[in-house]
N, C-alpha and C. Protein backbone atom coordinates (compact mmCIF):
# COMPACT_ATOMS: atom_id res chain seq x y z
N MET A 1 0.84 -1.18 0.00
CA MET A 1 0.00 0.00 0.00
C MET A 1 0.88 1.24 0.00
N SER A 2 0.64 2.12 -0.90
CA SER A 2 1.35 3.39 -0.99
C SER A 2 0.90 4.30 0.13
N LYS A 3 1.85 5.03 0.73
CA LYS A 3 1.46 5.94 1.80
C LYS A 3 0.56 7.05 1.27
N ASP A 4 0.63 7.32 -0.01
CA ASP A 4 -0.21 8.35 -0.61
C ASP A 4 -1.63 7.87 -0.86
N SER A 5 -1.90 6.58 -0.69
CA SER A 5 -3.24 6.07 -0.96
C SER A 5 -4.20 6.31 0.20
N VAL A 6 -3.68 6.72 1.38
CA VAL A 6 -4.52 7.04 2.53
C VAL A 6 -4.39 8.53 2.81
N LYS A 7 -5.54 9.18 3.00
CA LYS A 7 -5.53 10.58 3.39
C LYS A 7 -6.69 10.84 4.33
N ILE A 8 -6.58 11.91 5.10
CA ILE A 8 -7.68 12.31 5.97
C ILE A 8 -8.13 13.71 5.55
N VAL A 9 -9.45 13.89 5.54
CA VAL A 9 -10.07 15.15 5.12
C VAL A 9 -11.12 15.51 6.16
N GLU A 10 -11.17 16.77 6.58
CA GLU A 10 -12.18 17.16 7.55
C GLU A 10 -13.57 16.82 7.03
N VAL A 11 -14.45 16.42 7.94
CA VAL A 11 -15.83 16.12 7.56
C VAL A 11 -16.44 17.39 6.97
N ASN A 12 -17.12 17.22 5.83
CA ASN A 12 -17.71 18.36 5.15
C ASN A 12 -19.02 17.94 4.48
N ALA A 13 -19.63 18.88 3.77
CA ALA A 13 -20.93 18.63 3.14
C ALA A 13 -20.87 17.52 2.10
N GLU A 14 -19.71 17.29 1.51
CA GLU A 14 -19.58 16.28 0.46
C GLU A 14 -19.32 14.87 0.99
N ASN A 15 -18.78 14.74 2.23
CA ASN A 15 -18.38 13.39 2.66
C ASN A 15 -19.08 12.88 3.92
N TRP A 16 -19.84 13.72 4.62
CA TRP A 16 -20.40 13.29 5.90
C TRP A 16 -21.38 12.13 5.76
N TYR A 17 -22.24 12.18 4.75
CA TYR A 17 -23.26 11.14 4.64
C TYR A 17 -22.65 9.78 4.33
N GLU A 18 -21.72 9.76 3.40
CA GLU A 18 -21.05 8.49 3.07
C GLU A 18 -20.31 7.94 4.28
N CYS A 19 -19.74 8.83 5.07
CA CYS A 19 -19.06 8.42 6.30
C CYS A 19 -20.04 7.76 7.28
N CYS A 20 -21.25 8.29 7.34
CA CYS A 20 -22.26 7.74 8.25
C CYS A 20 -22.73 6.35 7.83
N LEU A 21 -22.54 6.00 6.58
CA LEU A 21 -22.96 4.68 6.08
C LEU A 21 -21.93 3.58 6.35
N LEU A 22 -20.73 3.94 6.77
CA LEU A 22 -19.68 2.95 7.03
C LEU A 22 -20.09 2.04 8.17
N GLU A 23 -19.61 0.79 8.11
CA GLU A 23 -19.98 -0.21 9.12
C GLU A 23 -18.75 -0.80 9.78
N ILE A 24 -18.89 -1.10 11.07
CA ILE A 24 -17.83 -1.80 11.79
C ILE A 24 -18.19 -3.27 11.87
N SER A 25 -17.23 -4.07 12.27
CA SER A 25 -17.50 -5.50 12.40
C SER A 25 -18.36 -5.75 13.64
N ASN A 26 -19.04 -6.87 13.67
CA ASN A 26 -19.92 -7.20 14.80
C ASN A 26 -19.17 -7.20 16.13
N GLU A 27 -17.92 -7.69 16.12
CA GLU A 27 -17.19 -7.74 17.39
C GLU A 27 -16.79 -6.37 17.90
N GLN A 28 -16.86 -5.35 17.06
CA GLN A 28 -16.48 -3.99 17.48
C GLN A 28 -17.67 -3.15 17.93
N ARG A 29 -18.88 -3.63 17.73
CA ARG A 29 -20.08 -2.82 17.99
C ARG A 29 -20.18 -2.30 19.42
N ASN A 30 -19.68 -3.04 20.38
CA ASN A 30 -19.77 -2.60 21.78
C ASN A 30 -18.69 -1.58 22.14
N PHE A 31 -17.77 -1.32 21.23
CA PHE A 31 -16.61 -0.49 21.57
C PHE A 31 -16.62 0.91 20.96
N ILE A 32 -17.50 1.19 20.02
CA ILE A 32 -17.41 2.48 19.33
C ILE A 32 -18.80 3.00 18.97
N GLU A 33 -18.95 4.30 19.08
CA GLU A 33 -20.20 4.95 18.71
C GLU A 33 -20.33 5.00 17.19
N PRO A 34 -21.56 5.03 16.67
CA PRO A 34 -21.73 5.21 15.23
C PRO A 34 -21.15 6.56 14.78
N ASN A 35 -20.68 6.62 13.55
CA ASN A 35 -20.09 7.85 13.04
C ASN A 35 -21.06 9.02 13.08
N ALA A 36 -22.34 8.77 12.83
CA ALA A 36 -23.33 9.85 12.86
C ALA A 36 -23.38 10.50 14.25
N ILE A 37 -23.27 9.71 15.31
CA ILE A 37 -23.26 10.24 16.68
C ILE A 37 -22.02 11.10 16.88
N SER A 38 -20.88 10.62 16.42
CA SER A 38 -19.62 11.36 16.59
C SER A 38 -19.66 12.68 15.82
N ILE A 39 -20.18 12.65 14.62
CA ILE A 39 -20.26 13.88 13.82
C ILE A 39 -21.20 14.87 14.51
N ALA A 40 -22.33 14.39 15.02
CA ALA A 40 -23.24 15.26 15.76
C ALA A 40 -22.56 15.83 17.00
N GLN A 41 -21.83 15.00 17.72
CA GLN A 41 -21.11 15.45 18.91
C GLN A 41 -20.16 16.60 18.57
N SER A 42 -19.49 16.50 17.42
CA SER A 42 -18.53 17.53 17.03
C SER A 42 -19.20 18.88 16.75
N LYS A 43 -20.48 18.86 16.45
CA LYS A 43 -21.20 20.11 16.20
C LYS A 43 -21.55 20.83 17.49
N PHE A 44 -21.60 20.08 18.60
CA PHE A 44 -21.92 20.66 19.90
C PHE A 44 -20.67 20.90 20.75
N GLU A 45 -19.65 20.10 20.53
CA GLU A 45 -18.36 20.28 21.21
C GLU A 45 -17.39 20.80 20.15
N GLN A 46 -17.31 22.12 20.06
CA GLN A 46 -16.64 22.79 18.96
C GLN A 46 -15.14 22.53 18.87
N THR A 47 -14.53 21.99 19.92
CA THR A 47 -13.08 21.73 19.87
C THR A 47 -12.76 20.38 19.24
N LEU A 48 -13.78 19.56 19.00
CA LEU A 48 -13.56 18.26 18.38
C LEU A 48 -13.32 18.44 16.89
N ARG A 49 -12.38 17.67 16.34
CA ARG A 49 -12.03 17.74 14.92
C ARG A 49 -12.32 16.39 14.26
N PRO A 50 -13.45 16.30 13.52
CA PRO A 50 -13.81 15.05 12.84
C PRO A 50 -13.22 15.00 11.42
N TYR A 51 -12.71 13.84 11.04
CA TYR A 51 -12.11 13.64 9.72
C TYR A 51 -12.64 12.35 9.11
N VAL A 52 -12.76 12.38 7.80
CA VAL A 52 -13.07 11.17 7.03
C VAL A 52 -11.75 10.60 6.54
N ILE A 53 -11.65 9.28 6.58
CA ILE A 53 -10.46 8.59 6.08
C ILE A 53 -10.76 8.09 4.67
N TYR A 54 -9.87 8.44 3.75
CA TYR A 54 -9.99 7.99 2.36
C TYR A 54 -8.88 6.99 2.07
N PHE A 55 -9.22 5.97 1.30
CA PHE A 55 -8.24 5.02 0.76
C PHE A 55 -8.48 4.95 -0.73
N GLU A 56 -7.47 5.31 -1.49
CA GLU A 56 -7.59 5.35 -2.96
C GLU A 56 -8.85 6.11 -3.38
N GLU A 57 -9.04 7.28 -2.77
CA GLU A 57 -10.14 8.20 -3.09
C GLU A 57 -11.53 7.70 -2.68
N LYS A 58 -11.60 6.62 -1.89
CA LYS A 58 -12.89 6.09 -1.43
C LYS A 58 -13.00 6.31 0.08
N VAL A 59 -14.18 6.72 0.55
CA VAL A 59 -14.42 6.89 1.98
C VAL A 59 -14.43 5.52 2.65
N VAL A 60 -13.51 5.31 3.60
CA VAL A 60 -13.39 4.01 4.25
C VAL A 60 -13.36 4.08 5.78
N GLY A 61 -13.30 5.29 6.33
CA GLY A 61 -13.20 5.37 7.79
C GLY A 61 -13.44 6.76 8.33
N PHE A 62 -13.32 6.85 9.65
CA PHE A 62 -13.60 8.08 10.37
C PHE A 62 -12.66 8.18 11.56
N LEU A 63 -12.26 9.40 11.88
CA LEU A 63 -11.50 9.63 13.11
C LEU A 63 -11.85 10.99 13.65
N MET A 64 -11.60 11.17 14.95
CA MET A 64 -11.89 12.44 15.58
C MET A 64 -10.99 12.62 16.79
N PHE A 65 -10.50 13.85 16.95
CA PHE A 65 -9.66 14.16 18.12
C PHE A 65 -10.05 15.53 18.66
N ASN A 66 -9.61 15.80 19.88
CA ASN A 66 -9.91 17.09 20.50
C ASN A 66 -8.73 18.03 20.27
N SER A 67 -9.02 19.28 19.95
CA SER A 67 -7.98 20.26 19.66
C SER A 67 -7.59 21.07 20.89
N VAL A 68 -8.09 20.69 22.05
CA VAL A 68 -7.65 21.27 23.31
C VAL A 68 -7.24 20.14 24.25
N LYS A 69 -6.32 20.45 25.15
CA LYS A 69 -5.85 19.44 26.10
C LYS A 69 -6.95 19.11 27.11
N GLU A 70 -6.93 17.86 27.54
CA GLU A 70 -7.90 17.38 28.53
C GLU A 70 -7.16 16.66 29.65
N GLU A 71 -7.79 15.64 30.21
CA GLU A 71 -7.20 14.86 31.29
C GLU A 71 -5.79 14.40 30.90
N LEU A 72 -4.96 14.27 31.90
CA LEU A 72 -3.57 13.84 31.75
C LEU A 72 -2.75 14.83 30.93
N ASP A 73 -3.26 16.05 30.80
CA ASP A 73 -2.57 17.14 30.11
C ASP A 73 -2.13 16.76 28.69
N GLY A 74 -3.04 16.14 27.98
CA GLY A 74 -2.73 15.75 26.61
C GLY A 74 -3.91 15.92 25.68
N TYR A 75 -3.65 15.77 24.40
CA TYR A 75 -4.69 15.81 23.37
C TYR A 75 -5.25 14.39 23.21
N TRP A 76 -6.56 14.29 23.20
CA TRP A 76 -7.21 12.99 23.17
C TRP A 76 -7.73 12.64 21.78
N ILE A 77 -7.49 11.39 21.41
CA ILE A 77 -8.12 10.80 20.23
C ILE A 77 -9.48 10.29 20.70
N TYR A 78 -10.54 10.73 20.05
CA TYR A 78 -11.88 10.32 20.44
C TYR A 78 -12.36 9.09 19.67
N ARG A 79 -12.10 9.04 18.39
CA ARG A 79 -12.59 7.93 17.58
C ARG A 79 -11.61 7.62 16.46
N ILE A 80 -11.57 6.36 16.12
CA ILE A 80 -10.98 5.94 14.85
C ILE A 80 -11.66 4.65 14.46
N MET A 81 -12.15 4.61 13.24
CA MET A 81 -12.80 3.39 12.76
C MET A 81 -12.52 3.23 11.28
N ILE A 82 -12.44 1.98 10.88
CA ILE A 82 -12.28 1.61 9.47
C ILE A 82 -13.45 0.68 9.13
N ASP A 83 -14.09 0.93 8.01
CA ASP A 83 -15.20 0.08 7.56
C ASP A 83 -14.76 -1.38 7.54
N LYS A 84 -15.68 -2.25 7.92
CA LYS A 84 -15.36 -3.68 8.05
C LYS A 84 -14.79 -4.29 6.76
N HIS A 85 -15.12 -3.73 5.61
CA HIS A 85 -14.62 -4.27 4.35
C HIS A 85 -13.18 -3.84 4.03
N PHE A 86 -12.65 -2.91 4.82
CA PHE A 86 -11.31 -2.38 4.56
C PHE A 86 -10.34 -2.61 5.71
N GLN A 87 -10.77 -3.36 6.72
CA GLN A 87 -9.89 -3.61 7.86
C GLN A 87 -8.79 -4.60 7.49
N GLY A 88 -7.68 -4.52 8.23
CA GLY A 88 -6.57 -5.45 8.02
C GLY A 88 -5.66 -5.10 6.87
N LYS A 89 -5.77 -3.90 6.34
CA LYS A 89 -4.96 -3.48 5.19
C LYS A 89 -3.92 -2.42 5.57
N GLY A 90 -3.86 -2.06 6.85
CA GLY A 90 -2.93 -1.02 7.28
C GLY A 90 -3.47 0.39 7.15
N ILE A 91 -4.73 0.52 6.77
CA ILE A 91 -5.33 1.84 6.58
C ILE A 91 -5.46 2.57 7.92
N GLY A 92 -5.89 1.86 8.95
CA GLY A 92 -6.05 2.48 10.27
C GLY A 92 -4.73 3.02 10.80
N LYS A 93 -3.68 2.25 10.62
CA LYS A 93 -2.37 2.69 11.09
C LYS A 93 -1.90 3.91 10.30
N ALA A 94 -2.07 3.89 8.98
CA ALA A 94 -1.67 5.03 8.15
C ALA A 94 -2.47 6.27 8.52
N ALA A 95 -3.77 6.11 8.75
CA ALA A 95 -4.62 7.25 9.12
C ALA A 95 -4.24 7.77 10.51
N THR A 96 -3.92 6.87 11.42
CA THR A 96 -3.51 7.29 12.76
C THR A 96 -2.22 8.10 12.71
N LYS A 97 -1.30 7.71 11.86
CA LYS A 97 -0.06 8.48 11.69
C LYS A 97 -0.37 9.88 11.18
N LEU A 98 -1.29 9.99 10.23
CA LEU A 98 -1.68 11.30 9.72
C LEU A 98 -2.34 12.14 10.82
N MET A 99 -3.18 11.50 11.63
CA MET A 99 -3.83 12.19 12.73
C MET A 99 -2.80 12.67 13.74
N ILE A 100 -1.83 11.85 14.07
CA ILE A 100 -0.78 12.25 15.00
C ILE A 100 -0.03 13.46 14.46
N SER A 101 0.21 13.50 13.16
CA SER A 101 0.87 14.66 12.55
C SER A 101 0.04 15.93 12.73
N GLU A 102 -1.29 15.80 12.60
CA GLU A 102 -2.17 16.95 12.80
C GLU A 102 -2.17 17.40 14.26
N ILE A 103 -2.24 16.45 15.17
CA ILE A 103 -2.25 16.78 16.60
C ILE A 103 -0.92 17.42 17.00
N ALA A 104 0.16 16.96 16.42
CA ALA A 104 1.50 17.49 16.76
C ALA A 104 1.64 18.97 16.43
N LYS A 105 0.77 19.48 15.55
CA LYS A 105 0.80 20.91 15.18
C LYS A 105 0.09 21.79 16.22
N LEU A 106 -0.66 21.19 17.13
CA LEU A 106 -1.41 21.94 18.12
C LEU A 106 -0.48 22.53 19.18
N PRO A 107 -0.90 23.60 19.88
CA PRO A 107 -0.04 24.25 20.87
C PRO A 107 0.44 23.30 21.98
N ASN A 108 1.74 23.34 22.23
CA ASN A 108 2.35 22.53 23.30
C ASN A 108 1.98 21.06 23.25
N ALA A 109 1.95 20.51 22.06
CA ALA A 109 1.60 19.09 21.90
C ALA A 109 2.78 18.23 22.34
N GLN A 110 2.64 17.65 23.51
CA GLN A 110 3.70 16.80 24.04
C GLN A 110 3.25 15.35 24.18
N LYS A 111 1.95 15.17 24.34
CA LYS A 111 1.46 13.79 24.42
C LYS A 111 0.05 13.68 23.88
N ILE A 112 -0.21 12.48 23.34
CA ILE A 112 -1.50 12.14 22.79
C ILE A 112 -2.03 10.96 23.59
N ILE A 113 -3.31 11.02 23.91
CA ILE A 113 -3.92 9.99 24.74
C ILE A 113 -5.14 9.43 24.02
N VAL A 114 -5.32 8.13 24.18
CA VAL A 114 -6.51 7.50 23.64
C VAL A 114 -7.04 6.52 24.67
N GLY A 115 -8.36 6.52 24.83
CA GLY A 115 -9.00 5.58 25.73
C GLY A 115 -9.76 4.54 24.93
N TYR A 116 -9.69 3.32 25.39
CA TYR A 116 -10.44 2.25 24.73
C TYR A 116 -10.71 1.13 25.72
N HIS A 117 -11.70 0.33 25.39
CA HIS A 117 -12.07 -0.81 26.24
C HIS A 117 -10.95 -1.86 26.18
N PRO A 118 -10.51 -2.36 27.32
CA PRO A 118 -9.41 -3.33 27.33
C PRO A 118 -9.65 -4.58 26.47
N GLU A 119 -10.91 -4.93 26.24
CA GLU A 119 -11.20 -6.11 25.41
C GLU A 119 -11.13 -5.83 23.92
N ASN A 120 -10.93 -4.57 23.54
CA ASN A 120 -10.85 -4.21 22.12
C ASN A 120 -9.42 -4.49 21.64
N LYS A 121 -9.21 -5.73 21.24
CA LYS A 121 -7.86 -6.19 20.85
C LYS A 121 -7.32 -5.45 19.63
N GLY A 122 -8.19 -5.10 18.69
CA GLY A 122 -7.75 -4.37 17.51
C GLY A 122 -7.16 -3.03 17.88
N ALA A 123 -7.86 -2.29 18.75
CA ALA A 123 -7.36 -0.99 19.20
C ALA A 123 -6.08 -1.17 19.99
N HIS A 124 -6.05 -2.17 20.86
CA HIS A 124 -4.87 -2.41 21.68
C HIS A 124 -3.63 -2.67 20.81
N ASN A 125 -3.78 -3.53 19.83
CA ASN A 125 -2.65 -3.86 18.96
C ASN A 125 -2.20 -2.66 18.13
N LEU A 126 -3.17 -1.89 17.61
CA LEU A 126 -2.83 -0.72 16.82
C LEU A 126 -2.04 0.29 17.64
N TYR A 127 -2.56 0.67 18.80
CA TYR A 127 -1.90 1.70 19.58
C TYR A 127 -0.56 1.24 20.14
N ARG A 128 -0.48 -0.01 20.55
CA ARG A 128 0.80 -0.52 21.05
C ARG A 128 1.85 -0.49 19.94
N SER A 129 1.46 -0.85 18.72
CA SER A 129 2.41 -0.87 17.60
C SER A 129 2.89 0.52 17.23
N MET A 130 2.15 1.55 17.67
CA MET A 130 2.50 2.92 17.33
C MET A 130 3.18 3.66 18.49
N GLY A 131 3.54 2.93 19.52
CA GLY A 131 4.30 3.53 20.61
C GLY A 131 3.48 4.11 21.74
N PHE A 132 2.19 3.82 21.80
CA PHE A 132 1.38 4.26 22.94
C PHE A 132 1.70 3.34 24.12
N GLU A 133 1.82 3.93 25.31
CA GLU A 133 2.20 3.18 26.50
C GLU A 133 1.09 3.20 27.53
N ASP A 134 0.93 2.07 28.22
CA ASP A 134 -0.06 1.96 29.29
C ASP A 134 0.63 2.26 30.61
N HIS A 135 0.21 3.34 31.26
CA HIS A 135 0.76 3.72 32.57
C HIS A 135 -0.25 3.48 33.68
N GLY A 136 -1.26 2.67 33.39
CA GLY A 136 -2.25 2.31 34.41
C GLY A 136 -3.40 3.29 34.57
N ASN A 137 -3.52 4.25 33.67
CA ASN A 137 -4.62 5.22 33.75
C ASN A 137 -5.92 4.58 33.30
N ARG A 138 -6.96 4.74 34.11
CA ARG A 138 -8.26 4.17 33.79
C ARG A 138 -9.33 5.23 33.98
N PHE A 139 -10.29 5.26 33.04
CA PHE A 139 -11.42 6.18 33.11
C PHE A 139 -12.67 5.33 32.90
N GLY A 140 -13.35 5.04 33.98
CA GLY A 140 -14.51 4.16 33.89
C GLY A 140 -14.08 2.79 33.41
N LYS A 141 -14.72 2.32 32.33
CA LYS A 141 -14.40 1.00 31.79
C LYS A 141 -13.24 1.04 30.80
N GLU A 142 -12.72 2.23 30.53
CA GLU A 142 -11.67 2.34 29.51
C GLU A 142 -10.30 2.51 30.12
N MET A 143 -9.32 1.98 29.41
CA MET A 143 -7.93 2.24 29.75
C MET A 143 -7.45 3.37 28.86
N ALA A 144 -6.54 4.19 29.37
CA ALA A 144 -6.02 5.30 28.60
C ALA A 144 -4.52 5.08 28.39
N VAL A 145 -4.09 5.10 27.13
CA VAL A 145 -2.68 4.91 26.80
C VAL A 145 -2.14 6.21 26.23
N ILE A 146 -0.83 6.40 26.37
CA ILE A 146 -0.21 7.68 26.05
C ILE A 146 0.92 7.50 25.05
N LYS A 147 0.98 8.40 24.09
CA LYS A 147 2.12 8.47 23.18
C LYS A 147 2.77 9.84 23.41
N TYR A 148 4.06 9.81 23.71
CA TYR A 148 4.81 11.04 23.92
C TYR A 148 5.40 11.48 22.59
N LEU A 149 5.25 12.76 22.30
CA LEU A 149 5.79 13.32 21.07
C LEU A 149 7.16 13.91 21.36
N ASN A 150 8.10 13.67 20.48
CA ASN A 150 9.44 14.22 20.67
C ASN A 150 9.52 15.60 20.04
N GLY A 151 10.19 16.48 20.72
CA GLY A 151 10.42 17.81 20.17
C GLY A 151 9.36 18.73 20.61
C-alpha cells in the first residue's frame, strides 16, 4: 500500500453522509459509537475535529480528536474506525499516523492519549504498535494509553 493512498479530510458537506454509512464488524459494535453520533457530537463540542479517512479516493473510515488538552494534560483521540470491508490493510495505522501529525501541530503538543475498552484487541494492537504506553490510567471501563511526542 502506498502511503499516498490514505488521506484524511475534515468532515464536510460532500463526505459526511457516506461516512455515516460505514460499518464496523460485529465484534467492534460494543466499543465504538456510530459515526453519525460522533459527527453530531462535534457540532456541539466545537473543539472536536472530525475527519473522514480515504483510501484510494474512497471513503473508508472516520477519526476524531480534540484540539484542546484534557485529562492527563494531553490531546485525546476520540474515535478511529475503518469500515469492516477495509480492515486489516494497514489503513487504520496510516490514518492514525496522519492524525498524529495533525495533533503534533497543536499548541504545546507533548502527548496524545486514547482511551479504549481493554477487550478491544484491535485498538490495543494498533496503539501498542505505534508507541502508545499503558501507565495504568483508567477512566470508567476504559484504559487510557499515552504516546509522547518528541520535540
